[in-house]
Amino acid sequence: MIRVEGIIETPHRHPDCVAAALEPDNLTLIRTYPTEGGVRAEIDGTRLRSIIASVDDYLMNLAIAEDVCTSASRRSESALQVNWAVKQI
């Protein structure tokens, strides 16, 4: 039997947001954690096809989570600027 273990570490501006978005996908093969400045995914399994499929899904979900968290951050920064401008008038 083959055992596959690995780690994927990716940098993110909003690691807590990205990790939280990926948390529902934490199954037996992949577990995701926020780190300082990024996200860490630990992979562990014995069936290579399942691991490949899980990593493929993870990477797609990671890209979506990054986009969502970046967009949400931009919207809240814009809202803060608008609120500040309104109070200055």
Foldseek 3Di string as FASTA:
>chain_A
DDKDKDKDKDFAPCQVQLQVQCCVVDDPAWHWDRDVRTIMIIGIDDDVVVRVVSVVVVVVSSVVSRVVVVVVVVVVVVVVVVVVVVVVD
